[in-house]
C-alpha atoms as a PDB file:
ATOM      1  CA  MET A   1     176.564 257.485  81.658  1.00  0.00           C
ATOM      2  CA  LYS A   2     180.245 258.289  82.125  1.00  0.00           C
ATOM      3  CA  ASN A   3     180.688 255.215  84.333  1.00  0.00           C
ATOM      4  CA  TRP A   4     179.094 252.963  81.738  1.00  0.00           C
ATOM      5  CA  LYS A   5     181.438 254.307  79.089  1.00  0.00           C
ATOM      6  CA  LEU A   6     184.377 253.550  81.358  1.00  0.00           C
ATOM      7  CA  LEU A   7     183.021 250.064  82.050  1.00  0.00           C
ATOM      8  CA  LEU A   8     183.308 249.278  78.355  1.00  0.00           C
ATOM      9  CA  GLY A   9     187.009 248.921  79.074  1.00  0.00           C
ATOM     10  CA  THR A  10     186.378 245.883  81.257  1.00  0.00           C
ATOM     11  CA  MET A  11     184.745 244.157  78.276  1.00  0.00           C
ATOM     12  CA  ARG A  12     187.992 244.421  76.245  1.00  0.00           C
ATOM     13  CA  LEU A  13     185.922 244.960  73.114  1.00  0.00           C
ATOM     14  CA  PRO A  14     188.870 245.104  70.665  1.00  0.00           C
ATOM     15  CA  PHE A  15     189.583 241.456  71.516  1.00  0.00           C
ATOM     16  CA  VAL A  16     185.955 240.300  71.281  1.00  0.00           C
ATOM     17  CA  ILE A  17     186.322 239.932  67.504  1.00  0.00           C
ATOM     18  CA  LEU A  18     187.742 236.483  68.278  1.00  0.00           C
ATOM     19  CA  ALA A  19     184.278 235.173  69.209  1.00  0.00           C
ATOM     20  CA  PRO A  20     182.654 235.903  65.801  1.00  0.00           C
ATOM     21  CA  ALA A  21     185.630 234.263  64.078  1.00  0.00           C
ATOM     22  CA  CYS A  22     185.054 231.054  66.060  1.00  0.00           C
ATOM     23  CA  VAL A  23     181.257 231.163  65.705  1.00  0.00           C
ATOM     24  CA  LEU A  24     181.811 231.456  61.950  1.00  0.00           C
ATOM     25  CA  VAL A  25     183.478 228.026  61.968  1.00  0.00           C
ATOM     26  CA  GLY A  26     180.341 226.508  63.517  1.00  0.00           C
ATOM     27  CA  LEU A  27     178.198 228.279  60.923  1.00  0.00           C
ATOM     28  CA  GLY A  28     180.482 226.861  58.233  1.00  0.00           C
ATOM     29  CA  THR A  29     180.198 223.259  59.442  1.00  0.00           C
ATOM     30  CA  ALA A  30     176.415 223.648  59.708  1.00  0.00           C
ATOM     31  CA  TYR A  31     176.196 224.998  56.156  1.00  0.00           C
ATOM     32  CA  TRP A  32     178.440 222.234  54.843  1.00  0.00           C
ATOM     33  CA  GLN A  33     176.136 219.669  56.461  1.00  0.00           C
ATOM     34  CA  THR A  34     172.749 221.145  55.530  1.00  0.00           C
ATOM     35  CA  GLY A  35     173.352 223.457  52.569  1.00  0.00           C
ATOM     36  CA  HIS A  36     171.448 226.347  54.124  1.00  0.00           C
ATOM     37  CA  ILE A  37     171.620 228.827  56.997  1.00  0.00           C
ATOM     38  CA  ASN A  38     168.893 229.817  59.454  1.00  0.00           C
ATOM     39  CA  TRP A  39     169.690 233.498  59.873  1.00  0.00           C
ATOM     40  CA  LEU A  40     167.717 233.981  63.078  1.00  0.00           C
ATOM     41  CA  PHE A  41     169.495 231.074  64.727  1.00  0.00           C
ATOM     42  CA  SER A  42     172.818 232.357  63.369  1.00  0.00           C
ATOM     43  CA  VAL A  43     172.281 235.783  64.931  1.00  0.00           C
ATOM     44  CA  LEU A  44     171.323 234.217  68.262  1.00  0.00           C
ATOM     45  CA  ALA A  45     174.432 232.012  68.167  1.00  0.00           C
ATOM     46  CA  LEU A  46     176.579 235.059  67.417  1.00  0.00           C
ATOM     47  CA  ILE A  47     175.040 237.032  70.296  1.00  0.00           C
ATOM     48  CA  ALA A  48     175.680 234.084  72.610  1.00  0.00           C
ATOM     49  CA  GLY A  49     179.312 233.810  71.521  1.00  0.00           C
ATOM     50  CA  ILE A  50     180.024 237.525  71.870  1.00  0.00           C
ATOM     51  CA  SER A  51     178.276 237.702  75.247  1.00  0.00           C
ATOM     52  CA  ALA A  52     180.251 234.714  76.516  1.00  0.00           C
ATOM     53  CA  HIS A  53     183.510 236.369  75.487  1.00  0.00           C
ATOM     54  CA  ILE A  54     182.557 239.633  77.181  1.00  0.00           C
ATOM     55  CA  SER A  55     181.597 237.705  80.318  1.00  0.00           C
ATOM     56  CA  VAL A  56     184.917 235.901  80.651  1.00  0.00           C
ATOM     57  CA  ASN A  57     186.769 239.166  79.960  1.00  0.00           C
ATOM     58  CA  ALA A  58     184.829 241.058  82.628  1.00  0.00           C
ATOM     59  CA  PHE A  59     185.247 238.244  85.167  1.00  0.00           C
ATOM     60  CA  ASN A  60     188.976 238.323  84.420  1.00  0.00           C
ATOM     61  CA  GLU A  61     189.143 242.075  84.977  1.00  0.00           C
ATOM     62  CA  TYR A  62     187.199 241.788  88.245  1.00  0.00           C
ATOM     63  CA  PHE A  63     189.170 238.893  89.747  1.00  0.00           C
ATOM     64  CA  ASP A  64     192.530 240.312  88.657  1.00  0.00           C
ATOM     65  CA  PHE A  65     191.569 243.585  90.325  1.00  0.00           C
ATOM     66  CA  LYS A  66     190.539 241.840  93.552  1.00  0.00           C
ATOM     67  CA  THR A  67     193.782 239.844  93.711  1.00  0.00           C
ATOM     68  CA  GLU A  68     195.720 243.023  92.786  1.00  0.00           C
ATOM     69  CA  LEU A  69     197.356 241.121  89.935  1.00  0.00           C
ATOM     70  CA  ASP A  70     196.867 243.836  87.325  1.00  0.00           C
ATOM     71  CA  ALA A  71     198.438 246.366  89.674  1.00  0.00           C
ATOM     72  CA  HIS A  72     201.742 244.456  89.385  1.00  0.00           C
ATOM     73  CA  THR A  73     201.527 243.435  85.748  1.00  0.00           C
ATOM     74  CA  LYS A  74     203.675 245.061  83.100  1.00  0.00           C
ATOM     75  CA  LYS A  75     201.126 245.730  80.401  1.00  0.00           C
ATOM     76  CA  THR A  76     201.657 244.934  76.741  1.00  0.00           C
ATOM     77  CA  PRO A  77     199.206 245.551  73.879  1.00  0.00           C
ATOM     78  CA  PHE A  78     198.113 241.919  74.271  1.00  0.00           C
ATOM     79  CA  SER A  79     198.258 241.197  78.008  1.00  0.00           C
ATOM     80  CA  GLY A  80     197.885 242.789  81.418  1.00  0.00           C
ATOM     81  CA  GLY A  81     194.206 243.749  81.323  1.00  0.00           C
ATOM     82  CA  SER A  82     192.594 247.050  80.387  1.00  0.00           C
ATOM     83  CA  GLY A  83     193.629 248.940  83.533  1.00  0.00           C
ATOM     84  CA  THR A  84     190.084 250.263  83.949  1.00  0.00           C
ATOM     85  CA  LEU A  85     189.579 249.073  87.524  1.00  0.00           C
ATOM     86  CA  GLN A  86     193.063 250.154  88.584  1.00  0.00           C
ATOM     87  CA  THR A  87     192.258 253.755  87.668  1.00  0.00           C
ATOM     88  CA  HIS A  88     188.581 253.531  88.668  1.00  0.00           C
ATOM     89  CA  PRO A  89     188.274 251.011  91.532  1.00  0.00           C
ATOM     90  CA  GLU A  90     184.764 252.249  92.298  1.00  0.00           C
ATOM     91  CA  LEU A  91     183.619 250.491  89.110  1.00  0.00           C
ATOM     92  CA  ALA A  92     184.443 246.991  90.380  1.00  0.00           C
ATOM     93  CA  ASN A  93     180.830 246.147  91.232  1.00  0.00           C
ATOM     94  CA  GLY A  94     179.750 247.412  87.826  1.00  0.00           C
ATOM     95  CA  ALA A  95     182.243 245.070  86.172  1.00  0.00           C
ATOM     96  CA  LEU A  96     180.815 242.190  88.180  1.00  0.00           C
ATOM     97  CA  ILE A  97     177.289 243.108  87.063  1.00  0.00           C
ATOM     98  CA  ILE A  98     178.468 243.078  83.436  1.00  0.00           C
ATOM     99  CA  SER A  99     180.098 239.684  84.036  1.00  0.00           C
ATOM    100  CA  TRP A 100     176.922 238.068  85.340  1.00  0.00           C
ATOM    101  CA  THR A 101     174.598 239.806  82.859  1.00  0.00           C
ATOM    102  CA  THR A 102     176.593 238.654  79.848  1.00  0.00           C
ATOM    103  CA  PHE A 103     176.917 235.238  81.539  1.00  0.00           C
ATOM    104  CA  ALA A 104     173.115 234.973  81.598  1.00  0.00           C
ATOM    105  CA  ILE A 105     172.672 235.796  77.901  1.00  0.00           C
ATOM    106  CA  PRO A 106     174.341 232.661  76.449  1.00  0.00           C
ATOM    107  CA  ALA A 107     172.699 230.607  79.220  1.00  0.00           C
ATOM    108  CA  LEU A 108     169.219 231.769  78.149  1.00  0.00           C
ATOM    109  CA  ILE A 109     169.972 231.395  74.448  1.00  0.00           C
ATOM    110  CA  GLY A 110     171.324 227.906  75.131  1.00  0.00           C
ATOM    111  CA  LEU A 111     168.116 226.983  76.939  1.00  0.00           C
ATOM    112  CA  TYR A 112     166.132 228.200  73.953  1.00  0.00           C
ATOM    113  CA  PHE A 113     168.074 226.015  71.522  1.00  0.00           C
ATOM    114  CA  ALA A 114     167.802 223.053  73.895  1.00  0.00           C
ATOM    115  CA  SER A 115     164.025 223.513  73.881  1.00  0.00           C
ATOM    116  CA  VAL A 116     164.067 223.573  70.060  1.00  0.00           C
ATOM    117  CA  TRP A 117     166.400 220.655  69.370  1.00  0.00           C
ATOM    118  CA  GLY A 118     166.607 218.579  72.538  1.00  0.00           C
ATOM    119  CA  TRP A 119     167.668 218.777  76.164  1.00  0.00           C
ATOM    120  CA  TRP A 120     170.395 216.156  75.776  1.00  0.00           C
ATOM    121  CA  VAL A 121     172.812 218.945  74.851  1.00  0.00           C
ATOM    122  CA  LEU A 122     172.591 220.601  78.300  1.00  0.00           C
ATOM    123  CA  PRO A 123     175.886 219.122  79.602  1.00  0.00           C
ATOM    124  CA  LEU A 124     177.731 220.896  76.779  1.00  0.00           C
ATOM    125  CA  GLY A 125     176.146 224.208  77.726  1.00  0.00           C
ATOM    126  CA  LEU A 126     176.787 223.723  81.435  1.00  0.00           C
ATOM    127  CA  LEU A 127     180.456 223.018  80.758  1.00  0.00           C
ATOM    128  CA  GLY A 128     180.658 226.268  78.814  1.00  0.00           C
ATOM    129  CA  LEU A 129     179.151 228.220  81.696  1.00  0.00           C
ATOM    130  CA  VAL A 130     181.592 226.607  84.148  1.00  0.00           C
ATOM    131  CA  LEU A 131     184.448 227.793  81.945  1.00  0.00           C
ATOM    132  CA  LEU A 132     183.145 231.367  81.820  1.00  0.00           C
ATOM    133  CA  TYR A 133     183.206 231.786  85.568  1.00  0.00           C
ATOM    134  CA  GLY A 134     185.819 229.242  86.527  1.00  0.00           C
ATOM    135  CA  TYR A 135     188.668 230.213  84.224  1.00  0.00           C
ATOM    136  CA  THR A 136     189.923 233.184  86.227  1.00  0.00           C
ATOM    137  CA  ALA A 137     188.366 232.069  89.524  1.00  0.00           C
ATOM    138  CA  TRP A 138     190.309 228.798  89.791  1.00  0.00           C
ATOM    139  CA  MET A 139     191.457 227.277  86.477  1.00  0.00           C
ATOM    140  CA  VAL A 140     194.418 229.662  86.252  1.00  0.00           C
ATOM    141  CA  TYR A 141     195.791 227.897  89.334  1.00  0.00           C
ATOM    142  CA  GLN A 142     195.674 224.482  87.619  1.00  0.00           C
ATOM    143  CA  PRO A 143     198.389 224.230  84.908  1.00  0.00           C
ATOM    144  CA  VAL A 144     196.663 221.787  82.544  1.00  0.00           C
ATOM    145  CA  LEU A 145     193.290 223.540  82.799  1.00  0.00           C
ATOM    146  CA  CYS A 146     194.942 226.932  82.409  1.00  0.00           C
ATOM    147  CA  LEU A 147     196.473 225.714  79.150  1.00  0.00           C
ATOM    148  CA  ILE A 148     193.456 224.033  77.549  1.00  0.00           C
ATOM    149  CA  ALA A 149     190.439 225.866  79.007  1.00  0.00           C
ATOM    150  CA  PRO A 150     190.626 228.865  76.607  1.00  0.00           C
ATOM    151  CA  GLY A 151     190.855 226.543  73.624  1.00  0.00           C
ATOM    152  CA  LEU A 152     187.979 224.403  74.874  1.00  0.00           C
ATOM    153  CA  GLY A 153     185.818 227.496  75.285  1.00  0.00           C
ATOM    154  CA  PHE A 154     186.459 229.001  71.865  1.00  0.00           C
ATOM    155  CA  GLY A 155     186.999 225.699  70.071  1.00  0.00           C
ATOM    156  CA  PRO A 156     184.834 222.640  70.800  1.00  0.00           C
ATOM    157  CA  LEU A 157     182.329 224.422  73.040  1.00  0.00           C
ATOM    158  CA  MET A 158     181.706 227.485  70.862  1.00  0.00           C
ATOM    159  CA  VAL A 159     181.927 225.717  67.502  1.00  0.00           C
ATOM    160  CA  LEU A 160     179.874 222.666  68.535  1.00  0.00           C
ATOM    161  CA  SER A 161     177.284 224.848  70.274  1.00  0.00           C
ATOM    162  CA  THR A 162     176.893 226.940  67.132  1.00  0.00           C
ATOM    163  CA  HIS A 163     176.666 223.838  64.961  1.00  0.00           C
ATOM    164  CA  PHE A 164     174.007 222.408  67.282  1.00  0.00           C
ATOM    165  CA  ALA A 165     172.081 225.685  67.296  1.00  0.00           C
ATOM    166  CA  LEU A 166     171.691 225.503  63.517  1.00  0.00           C
ATOM    167  CA  THR A 167     171.315 221.766  62.967  1.00  0.00           C
ATOM    168  CA  GLY A 168     170.263 220.112  66.221  1.00  0.00           C
ATOM    169  CA  THR A 169     173.149 217.671  65.801  1.00  0.00           C
ATOM    170  CA  LEU A 170     176.780 217.220  66.804  1.00  0.00           C
ATOM    171  CA  THR A 171     179.089 215.709  64.186  1.00  0.00           C
ATOM    172  CA  TRP A 172     182.648 214.472  63.917  1.00  0.00           C
ATOM    173  CA  GLN A 173     183.201 217.015  61.142  1.00  0.00           C
ATOM    174  CA  ALA A 174     182.269 219.877  63.464  1.00  0.00           C
ATOM    175  CA  LEU A 175     184.484 218.452  66.206  1.00  0.00           C
ATOM    176  CA  ILE A 176     187.495 218.228  63.883  1.00  0.00           C
ATOM    177  CA  ALA A 177     186.924 221.800  62.692  1.00  0.00           C
ATOM    178  CA  SER A 178     186.653 222.957  66.308  1.00  0.00           C
ATOM    179  CA  LEU A 179     190.147 221.669  67.048  1.00  0.00           C
ATOM    180  CA  VAL A 180     191.593 224.490  64.936  1.00  0.00           C
ATOM    181  CA  PRO A 181     190.440 227.270  67.311  1.00  0.00           C
ATOM    182  CA  PHE A 182     191.127 224.919  70.238  1.00  0.00           C
ATOM    183  CA  PHE A 183     194.859 224.837  69.557  1.00  0.00           C
ATOM    184  CA  LEU A 184     194.975 228.459  68.377  1.00  0.00           C
ATOM    185  CA  VAL A 185     193.228 230.048  71.364  1.00  0.00           C
ATOM    186  CA  SER A 186     195.046 227.888  73.910  1.00  0.00           C
ATOM    187  CA  ASN A 187     198.220 229.155  72.262  1.00  0.00           C
ATOM    188  CA  LEU A 188     196.972 232.747  72.294  1.00  0.00           C
ATOM    189  CA  LEU A 189     196.647 232.733  76.067  1.00  0.00           C
ATOM    190  CA  LEU A 190     199.847 230.725  76.519  1.00  0.00           C
ATOM    191  CA  LEU A 191     202.004 233.215  74.636  1.00  0.00           C
ATOM    192  CA  ASN A 192     200.277 236.143  76.352  1.00  0.00           C
ATOM    193  CA  GLN A 193     201.342 234.664  79.703  1.00  0.00           C
ATOM    194  CA  PHE A 194     205.027 235.113  78.880  1.00  0.00           C
ATOM    195  CA  PRO A 195     205.155 238.803  79.964  1.00  0.00           C
ATOM    196  CA  ASP A 196     203.140 238.076  83.125  1.00  0.00           C
ATOM    197  CA  VAL A 197     205.272 235.358  84.737  1.00  0.00           C
ATOM    198  CA  GLU A 198     206.539 237.387  87.702  1.00  0.00           C
ATOM    199  CA  ALA A 199     203.199 239.072  88.433  1.00  0.00           C
ATOM    200  CA  ASP A 200     201.231 235.839  88.064  1.00  0.00           C
ATOM    201  CA  ARG A 201     203.632 233.976  90.343  1.00  0.00           C
ATOM    202  CA  SER A 202     203.143 236.611  93.049  1.00  0.00           C
ATOM    203  CA  THR A 203     199.402 235.863  93.204  1.00  0.00           C
ATOM    204  CA  GLY A 204     199.751 232.089  93.214  1.00  0.00           C
ATOM    205  CA  ARG A 205     198.857 231.379  89.610  1.00  0.00           C
ATOM    206  CA  ARG A 206     200.309 228.180  88.194  1.00  0.00           C
ATOM    207  CA  HIS A 207     200.665 228.045  84.439  1.00  0.00           C
ATOM    208  CA  TYR A 208     203.409 226.492  82.349  1.00  0.00           C
ATOM    209  CA  PRO A 209     205.547 229.599  81.761  1.00  0.00           C
ATOM    210  CA  ILE A 210     205.812 229.757  85.579  1.00  0.00           C
ATOM    211  CA  LEU A 211     206.273 226.033  86.221  1.00  0.00           C
ATOM    212  CA  LEU A 212     208.421 225.075  83.231  1.00  0.00           C
ATOM    213  CA  GLY A 213     209.864 228.414  82.157  1.00  0.00           C
ATOM    214  CA  ARG A 214     209.356 230.390  78.989  1.00  0.00           C
ATOM    215  CA  THR A 215     211.717 228.331  76.836  1.00  0.00           C
ATOM    216  CA  ILE A 216     210.001 224.985  77.407  1.00  0.00           C
ATOM    217  CA  SER A 217     206.600 226.672  77.211  1.00  0.00           C
ATOM    218  CA  GLY A 218     207.724 228.008  73.843  1.00  0.00           C
ATOM    219  CA  TYR A 219     208.079 224.435  72.622  1.00  0.00           C
ATOM    220  CA  ILE A 220     204.546 223.687  73.859  1.00  0.00           C
ATOM    221  CA  TYR A 221     203.374 226.714  71.892  1.00  0.00           C
ATOM    222  CA  ILE A 222     205.149 225.494  68.757  1.00  0.00           C
ATOM    223  CA  GLY A 223     203.673 222.002  69.164  1.00  0.00           C
ATOM    224  CA  PHE A 224     200.149 223.411  69.427  1.00  0.00           C
ATOM    225  CA  LEU A 225     200.710 225.676  66.426  1.00  0.00           C
ATOM    226  CA  ILE A 226     201.910 222.769  64.298  1.00  0.00           C
ATOM    227  CA  ALA A 227     198.861 220.786  65.464  1.00  0.00           C
ATOM    228  CA  VAL A 228     196.568 223.439  63.934  1.00  0.00           C
ATOM    229  CA  TYR A 229     197.829 222.706  60.433  1.00  0.00           C
ATOM    230  CA  LEU A 230     198.047 218.958  60.997  1.00  0.00           C
ATOM    231  CA  VAL A 231     194.354 218.964  61.939  1.00  0.00           C
ATOM    232  CA  ILE A 232     193.431 220.865  58.781  1.00  0.00           C
ATOM    233  CA  GLY A 233     195.536 218.617  56.541  1.00  0.00           C
ATOM    234  CA  ALA A 234     194.355 215.397  58.182  1.00  0.00           C
ATOM    235  CA  GLY A 235     190.751 216.568  58.129  1.00  0.00           C
ATOM    236  CA  VAL A 236     190.879 217.136  54.365  1.00  0.00           C
ATOM    237  CA  PHE A 237     192.865 213.930  53.730  1.00  0.00           C
ATOM    238  CA  PHE A 238     190.316 211.766  55.556  1.00  0.00           C
ATOM    239  CA  GLY A 239     187.317 213.580  54.086  1.00  0.00           C
ATOM    240  CA  LEU A 240     186.200 215.125  57.380  1.00  0.00           C
ATOM    241  CA  LEU A 241     186.737 218.627  56.031  1.00  0.00           C
ATOM    242  CA  PRO A 242     186.155 219.882  52.465  1.00  0.00           C
ATOM    243  CA  ARG A 243     189.207 220.482  50.306  1.00  0.00           C
ATOM    244  CA  PHE A 244     188.766 224.261  50.362  1.00  0.00           C
ATOM    245  CA  SER A 245     189.450 224.136  54.098  1.00  0.00           C
ATOM    246  CA  LEU A 246     193.076 224.172  52.990  1.00  0.00           C
ATOM    247  CA  LEU A 247     192.633 227.931  52.565  1.00  0.00           C
ATOM    248  CA  ALA A 248     193.344 228.112  56.293  1.00  0.00           C
ATOM    249  CA  MET A 249     196.867 226.903  55.525  1.00  0.00           C
ATOM    250  CA  LEU A 250     197.650 230.364  54.143  1.00  0.00           C
ATOM    251  CA  THR A 251     198.411 231.577  57.664  1.00  0.00           C
ATOM    252  CA  LEU A 252     201.407 229.219  57.735  1.00  0.00           C
ATOM    253  CA  ILE A 253     203.377 232.155  56.354  1.00  0.00           C
ATOM    254  CA  LEU A 254     202.867 234.057  59.606  1.00  0.00           C
ATOM    255  CA  ALA A 255     203.068 230.921  61.732  1.00  0.00           C
ATOM    256  CA  VAL A 256     206.613 230.211  60.536  1.00  0.00           C
ATOM    257  CA  GLN A 257     207.671 233.746  61.481  1.00  0.00           C
ATOM    258  CA  ILE A 258     206.133 233.348  64.940  1.00  0.00           C
ATOM    259  CA  ILE A 259     207.905 230.030  65.490  1.00  0.00           C
ATOM    260  CA  ARG A 260     211.244 231.604  64.586  1.00  0.00           C
ATOM    261  CA  SER A 261     210.639 234.449  67.035  1.00  0.00           C
ATOM    262  CA  VAL A 262     209.568 232.105  69.843  1.00  0.00           C
ATOM    263  CA  LEU A 263     212.675 229.968  69.348  1.00  0.00           C
ATOM    264  CA  LYS A 264     214.891 233.052  69.401  1.00  0.00           C
ATOM    265  CA  ASN A 265     213.141 235.344  71.906  1.00  0.00           C
ATOM    266  CA  SER A 266     211.248 233.202  74.406  1.00  0.00           C
ATOM    267  CA  GLU A 267     213.275 234.741  77.263  1.00  0.00           C
ATOM    268  CA  ASN A 268     213.261 238.231  75.758  1.00  0.00           C
ATOM    269  CA  VAL A 269     209.707 239.503  76.193  1.00  0.00           C
ATOM    270  CA  PRO A 270     210.138 242.934  74.522  1.00  0.00           C
ATOM    271  CA  ALA A 271     211.509 241.232  71.411  1.00  0.00           C
ATOM    272  CA  LEU A 272     208.581 238.824  71.488  1.00  0.00           C
ATOM    273  CA  ILE A 273     205.901 241.529  71.244  1.00  0.00           C
ATOM    274  CA  PRO A 274     205.737 241.542  67.397  1.00  0.00           C
ATOM    275  CA  ALA A 275     205.210 237.764  67.449  1.00  0.00           C
ATOM    276  CA  MET A 276     202.382 238.229  69.947  1.00  0.00           C
ATOM    277  CA  GLY A 277     200.731 240.580  67.477  1.00  0.00           C
ATOM    278  CA  GLN A 278     201.195 238.101  64.643  1.00  0.00           C
ATOM    279  CA  ASN A 279     199.740 235.441  66.920  1.00  0.00           C
ATOM    280  CA  VAL A 280     196.550 237.482  67.241  1.00  0.00           C
ATOM    281  CA  ILE A 281     196.304 237.765  63.454  1.00  0.00           C
ATOM    282  CA  VAL A 282     196.737 234.001  63.032  1.00  0.00           C
ATOM    283  CA  ASN A 283     194.049 233.393  65.679  1.00  0.00           C
ATOM    284  CA  LEU A 284     191.578 235.568  63.790  1.00  0.00           C
ATOM    285  CA  LEU A 285     192.444 234.798  60.196  1.00  0.00           C
ATOM    286  CA  THR A 286     192.818 230.995  60.365  1.00  0.00           C
ATOM    287  CA  PRO A 287     189.254 230.282  61.632  1.00  0.00           C
ATOM    288  CA  VAL A 288     187.821 232.769  59.136  1.00  0.00           C
ATOM    289  CA  LEU A 289     189.652 231.119  56.231  1.00  0.00           C
ATOM    290  CA  LEU A 290     188.581 227.698  57.499  1.00  0.00           C
ATOM    291  CA  ALA A 291     184.960 228.884  57.628  1.00  0.00           C
ATOM    292  CA  ILE A 292     185.212 230.275  54.088  1.00  0.00           C
ATOM    293  CA  GLY A 293     186.502 226.881  52.955  1.00  0.00           C
ATOM    294  CA  LEU A 294     183.585 225.162  54.680  1.00  0.00           C
ATOM    295  CA  PHE A 295     181.090 227.458  52.951  1.00  0.00           C
ATOM    296  CA  ILE A 296     182.704 226.867  49.553  1.00  0.00           C
ATOM    297  CA  GLY A 297     182.878 223.112  50.180  1.00  0.00           C
END
């Protein structure tokens, strides 16, 4: 029992709140399309999203322990892993069991929805499963994939899968909405890589803060953050999102502060920590506000 309590650390549960925020966007697009919600399907979609997030977290903890990356990482509140396997290395196999168990849950739920609505959606589900395992296993060594894979997982894949689970369809409206968490979550991982440059380089990882430096990567971050609000504005302008989706623009207040900090402190990681915290808030609040706007219409 004590070991299982310790293994909760490898799930990084405080960060798993991101999954419900992204699933909520898919629920919002489904409601906007159909005018109703199937609560059983919604719960199953939420379980799948949370399980997928736990799986990728646990895989990350396991692989970073095996490569000894986390042993050399300077931890911040938002990066560097939980430290569970560094203090309890005997739990590594348990973390791997958690990884594969929570990997199986969205796979089985996805198969159920495919049986309900149609098997043509299987490629979308398979791509999601590849991301769960492959992100830490090999995508972190490919700069472009390392940048966009988190956003693909929590954006198009999670939002479109949720939308499909409730409606049996995939729509342009859902795709446009999914681009909001795509840019946000890609940015979340990008900014969280800033403190880890030296440790990541020592294990052969290849992401943009290593290859291009923190300053240039800061401009990539700013470009992605601006893209979030351009997507929302363009979506409403062209009628692909309802006008109340503009509620998500409220997080611009924090976004401007983050941009200022990134421009000023990209090479000063300790000074960047408050912006990393604000970045987490923007990642959680923007999809929730977007979903509220979708429900209001």
